[in-house]
Amino acid sequence: MKVLVVANSAGGVGKSTSAHCIAVAASEYGKKVLVIDADPSAGLTFACGIENPRVSTKEFLSGQFSLDASTIKSGERFSIIASSSRLLALDFDQVISQAKLTELLESFDLVIIDTPTGVSRITTYFMAIANLILLPSTTEILSLRGALNSKDYAQSAGHGGQLQLLVTKTTQELDEEFKSLIGDDFLRLEPTIRSSAQVCLSQSQAKSILTLDTKSEVAADYREVTYLLLEKLELI
């Protein structure tokens, strides 16, 4: 079992979209995938067609419900532990240990964690068990600043691996100025994820772009990035 944490303290960078698309692509590659929506705004949960789940990430992390009772099978072949605003009330003094969490998740090949925007103990909790941390970012400076902040969180969580930067919503080739801003802080993944209005349309229909428009450029981008991530995680 390998854990991929998707993080960026800045909003609007494509965290939930990337987590969703990577989950679908990894499932297409034959992996048994679990997504944990650890964002109280529950955007990924909504994008999977789930509203007001009876059991959410909060109840699972609190140990109130088993993994089986907390998991929902999505229509796109992966499983999900849905989120809700109740996660804001999570008591970290009562949360299950990271060692216990890892043990519970062992039946999956890949566990993808979608984390909240902003500073959150939830993010560092999951970063501590991450095999790989993926930081989606647009080319805007605030997005890159959020990625840099997330690098600090990863270090505080004890994650020593190199962070992977996925540039999203691109409309043209990356310029040298942006590449210089990245410097040696991250390993930038190729390809970048191209911008597409179809992404918003797919979310409104509770599907990923890989399902709604399987032959689109964005779907191809995410499949290629997912294959690379699976290689890095030694799952292929």
Protein backbone atom coordinates (compact mmCIF):
# COMPACT_ATOMS: atom_id res chain seq x y z
CA MET A 1 0.00 0.00 0.00
CA LYS A 2 1.29 3.44 -0.95
CA VAL A 3 -0.03 6.84 0.16
CA LEU A 4 -0.17 9.87 -2.14
CA VAL A 5 -1.02 13.16 -0.42
CA VAL A 6 -2.32 15.97 -2.65
CA ALA A 7 -1.71 19.35 -1.02
CA ASN A 8 -1.32 23.08 -1.50
CA SER A 9 -2.26 25.70 1.09
CA ALA A 10 -3.49 27.95 -1.76
CA GLY A 11 -6.97 27.41 -3.16
CA GLY A 12 -8.10 27.05 -6.75
CA VAL A 13 -5.05 25.09 -7.88
CA GLY A 14 -6.80 21.86 -8.85
CA LYS A 15 -6.15 19.71 -5.75
CA SER A 16 -9.50 17.95 -5.73
CA THR A 17 -9.64 17.70 -9.51
CA SER A 18 -6.17 16.15 -9.58
CA ALA A 19 -6.94 13.71 -6.76
CA HIS A 20 -10.12 12.64 -8.57
CA CYS A 21 -8.50 12.22 -11.98
CA ILE A 22 -5.47 10.36 -10.61
CA ALA A 23 -7.80 8.00 -8.74
CA VAL A 24 -9.70 7.22 -11.95
CA ALA A 25 -6.52 6.81 -14.00
CA ALA A 26 -4.89 4.55 -11.39
CA SER A 27 -8.05 2.43 -11.35
CA GLU A 28 -7.83 2.17 -15.13
CA TYR A 29 -4.28 0.88 -14.69
CA GLY A 30 -5.68 -1.92 -12.55
CA LYS A 31 -4.90 -0.56 -9.08
CA LYS A 32 -7.19 -0.89 -6.08
CA VAL A 33 -7.61 2.75 -5.09
CA LEU A 34 -9.05 4.49 -2.03
CA VAL A 35 -9.56 8.24 -1.92
CA ILE A 36 -9.86 9.96 1.45
CA ASP A 37 -11.47 13.37 1.20
CA ALA A 38 -9.82 15.19 4.11
CA ASP A 39 -11.11 18.63 3.14
CA PRO A 40 -14.03 19.93 5.25
CA SER A 41 -15.36 21.77 2.20
CA ALA A 42 -15.97 18.30 0.68
CA GLY A 43 -15.44 19.42 -2.91
CA LEU A 44 -14.18 16.05 -4.05
CA THR A 45 -17.03 14.31 -2.27
CA PHE A 46 -19.50 16.51 -4.17
CA ALA A 47 -17.65 15.87 -7.46
CA CYS A 48 -18.24 12.16 -6.86
CA GLY A 49 -21.99 12.73 -6.52
CA ILE A 50 -22.13 12.37 -2.72
CA GLU A 51 -23.87 14.85 -0.44
CA ASN A 52 -24.21 14.79 3.37
CA PRO A 53 -22.68 11.34 3.95
CA ARG A 54 -23.89 9.54 7.07
CA VAL A 55 -20.31 8.50 7.83
CA SER A 56 -17.51 10.88 6.94
CA THR A 57 -13.75 11.20 7.33
CA LYS A 58 -14.33 12.67 10.77
CA GLU A 59 -16.09 9.58 12.09
CA PHE A 60 -13.53 7.27 10.49
CA LEU A 61 -10.50 9.11 11.89
CA SER A 62 -12.18 9.27 15.29
CA GLY A 63 -12.48 5.49 15.29
CA GLN A 64 -16.27 5.59 15.49
CA PHE A 65 -16.75 3.52 12.32
CA SER A 66 -14.72 0.81 10.64
CA LEU A 67 -13.08 1.21 7.26
CA ASP A 68 -15.76 -0.90 5.59
CA ALA A 69 -18.55 1.16 7.16
CA SER A 70 -16.85 4.41 6.12
CA THR A 71 -16.11 3.51 2.51
CA ILE A 72 -18.34 4.20 -0.50
CA LYS A 73 -17.72 2.62 -3.90
CA SER A 74 -17.77 5.33 -6.54
CA GLY A 75 -19.17 4.89 -10.03
CA GLU A 76 -15.63 5.22 -11.40
CA ARG A 77 -14.17 2.05 -9.84
CA PHE A 78 -12.36 3.60 -6.88
CA SER A 79 -13.52 3.73 -3.25
CA ILE A 80 -13.91 6.94 -1.27
CA ILE A 81 -14.24 8.01 2.34
CA ALA A 82 -16.42 11.07 1.94
CA SER A 83 -16.00 14.34 3.78
CA SER A 84 -18.35 16.86 5.33
CA SER A 85 -18.12 20.08 7.32
CA ARG A 86 -18.21 17.87 10.44
CA LEU A 87 -14.49 17.33 9.87
CA LEU A 88 -13.89 20.83 11.26
CA ALA A 89 -14.88 19.46 14.68
CA LEU A 90 -12.30 16.65 14.60
CA ASP A 91 -10.60 16.31 17.99
CA PHE A 92 -6.95 15.46 17.34
CA ASP A 93 -6.61 14.19 20.89
CA GLN A 94 -9.05 11.41 19.95
CA VAL A 95 -7.88 10.63 16.41
CA ILE A 96 -6.55 7.17 15.57
CA SER A 97 -2.77 6.90 15.38
CA GLN A 98 -1.00 7.12 12.05
CA ALA A 99 0.38 3.62 12.59
CA LYS A 100 -3.16 2.29 13.09
CA LEU A 101 -4.39 4.18 10.04
CA THR A 102 -1.64 2.68 7.86
CA GLU A 103 -2.53 -0.78 9.12
CA LEU A 104 -6.22 -0.28 8.30
CA LEU A 105 -5.46 0.82 4.72
CA GLU A 106 -3.21 -2.11 3.81
CA SER A 107 -5.78 -3.80 1.55
CA PHE A 108 -5.48 -1.01 -1.04
CA ASP A 109 -2.72 -0.54 -3.61
CA LEU A 110 -2.95 3.24 -3.56
CA VAL A 111 -4.51 5.65 -1.07
CA ILE A 112 -4.95 9.24 -2.28
CA ILE A 113 -5.56 11.97 0.30
CA ASP A 114 -7.17 15.26 -0.76
CA THR A 115 -6.21 17.88 1.84
CA PRO A 116 -7.71 21.26 2.80
CA THR A 117 -6.75 24.73 1.66
CA GLY A 118 -4.91 26.80 4.27
CA VAL A 119 -3.02 25.78 7.39
CA SER A 120 -4.41 22.56 8.85
CA ARG A 121 -3.33 19.85 11.27
CA ILE A 122 -5.20 17.47 9.00
CA THR A 123 -2.64 18.05 6.25
CA THR A 124 0.41 17.43 8.45
CA TYR A 125 -1.30 14.36 9.98
CA PHE A 126 -1.52 12.74 6.55
CA MET A 127 1.82 14.05 5.29
CA ALA A 128 3.50 12.08 8.07
CA ILE A 129 2.45 8.79 6.41
CA ALA A 130 2.86 9.91 2.78
CA ASN A 131 5.09 7.98 0.41
CA LEU A 132 4.77 10.82 -2.07
CA ILE A 133 3.42 14.38 -1.82
CA LEU A 134 1.95 16.00 -4.91
CA LEU A 135 1.54 19.78 -5.05
CA PRO A 136 -0.75 20.99 -7.84
CA SER A 137 -0.09 24.64 -8.71
CA THR A 138 -1.07 27.08 -11.41
CA THR A 139 1.53 29.50 -12.77
CA GLU A 140 0.19 32.29 -10.53
CA ILE A 141 2.56 33.45 -7.81
CA LEU A 142 0.05 32.87 -4.98
CA SER A 143 -0.34 29.25 -6.05
CA LEU A 144 3.41 28.75 -6.03
CA ARG A 145 3.61 30.47 -2.64
CA GLY A 146 1.05 27.98 -1.35
CA ALA A 147 3.20 25.13 -2.65
CA LEU A 148 6.23 26.55 -0.84
CA ASN A 149 4.20 26.80 2.38
CA SER A 150 3.17 23.17 1.92
CA LYS A 151 6.83 22.23 1.65
CA ASP A 152 7.32 23.66 5.15
CA TYR A 153 4.36 21.59 6.43
CA ALA A 154 5.86 18.46 4.89
CA GLN A 155 9.16 19.08 6.63
CA SER A 156 7.41 19.67 9.96
CA ALA A 157 5.57 16.36 9.46
CA GLY A 158 8.90 14.58 9.01
CA HIS A 159 8.48 13.87 5.29
CA GLY A 160 11.96 13.75 3.80
CA GLY A 161 11.14 12.96 0.18
CA GLN A 162 11.24 15.36 -2.73
CA LEU A 163 7.92 17.06 -3.36
CA GLN A 164 6.33 16.70 -6.79
CA LEU A 165 4.98 19.86 -8.43
CA LEU A 166 2.16 19.41 -10.94
CA VAL A 167 1.47 22.55 -12.96
CA THR A 168 -2.25 22.78 -13.75
CA LYS A 169 -4.60 24.87 -15.90
CA THR A 170 -1.92 25.77 -18.46
CA THR A 171 -2.76 27.54 -21.70
CA GLN A 172 0.79 27.87 -23.06
CA GLU A 173 4.33 26.62 -22.57
CA LEU A 174 5.90 27.47 -19.22
CA ASP A 175 8.19 30.46 -19.46
CA GLU A 176 11.71 30.58 -18.08
CA GLU A 177 10.75 33.04 -15.36
CA PHE A 178 8.27 30.58 -13.86
CA LYS A 179 10.78 27.73 -14.11
CA SER A 180 13.34 29.87 -12.30
CA LEU A 181 10.84 30.57 -9.50
CA ILE A 182 10.49 26.83 -8.93
CA GLY A 183 14.25 26.41 -8.68
CA ASP A 184 15.33 23.32 -6.77
CA ASP A 185 12.41 23.38 -4.33
CA PHE A 186 10.37 20.78 -6.23
CA LEU A 187 10.56 18.15 -8.90
CA ARG A 188 8.30 19.43 -11.67
CA LEU A 189 6.25 16.72 -13.35
CA GLU A 190 5.61 16.47 -17.06
CA PRO A 191 3.27 16.90 -18.75
CA THR A 192 1.55 19.96 -17.35
CA ILE A 193 -2.25 19.73 -17.13
CA ARG A 194 -3.87 21.77 -19.84
CA SER A 195 -6.79 24.07 -19.11
CA SER A 196 -10.24 22.90 -20.23
CA ALA A 197 -13.80 24.06 -19.63
CA GLN A 198 -14.79 20.38 -19.76
CA VAL A 199 -13.34 19.91 -16.27
CA CYS A 200 -16.04 22.10 -14.71
CA LEU A 201 -18.69 20.38 -16.80
CA SER A 202 -17.55 16.96 -15.64
CA GLN A 203 -17.71 18.02 -11.99
CA SER A 204 -21.27 19.27 -12.45
CA GLN A 205 -22.14 15.78 -13.70
CA ALA A 206 -20.36 14.04 -10.80
CA LYS A 207 -17.72 12.52 -13.06
CA SER A 208 -14.04 13.05 -13.75
CA ILE A 209 -12.91 14.42 -17.09
CA LEU A 210 -11.44 10.96 -17.78
CA THR A 211 -14.95 9.51 -17.71
CA LEU A 212 -16.85 12.38 -19.34
CA ASP A 213 -14.40 13.03 -22.18
CA THR A 214 -12.08 10.06 -22.15
CA LYS A 215 -10.11 11.08 -25.25
CA SER A 216 -9.59 14.72 -24.29
CA GLU A 217 -6.16 16.34 -23.93
CA VAL A 218 -6.68 16.83 -20.20
CA ALA A 219 -7.58 13.15 -19.74
CA ALA A 220 -4.41 12.20 -21.61
CA ASP A 221 -2.36 14.55 -19.42
CA TYR A 222 -3.70 13.02 -16.21
CA ARG A 223 -3.18 9.45 -17.44
CA GLU A 224 0.44 10.21 -18.29
CA VAL A 225 1.09 11.92 -14.94
CA THR A 226 -0.60 9.05 -13.09
CA TYR A 227 1.56 6.47 -14.81
CA LEU A 228 4.65 8.44 -13.79
CA LEU A 229 3.44 8.64 -10.18
CA LEU A 230 2.73 4.90 -10.10
CA GLU A 231 6.27 4.30 -11.34
CA LYS A 232 7.67 6.52 -8.59
CA LEU A 233 5.59 4.63 -6.02
CA GLU A 234 6.81 1.30 -7.46
CA LEU A 235 3.26 0.22 -8.23
CA ILE A 236 4.09 -0.42 -11.90
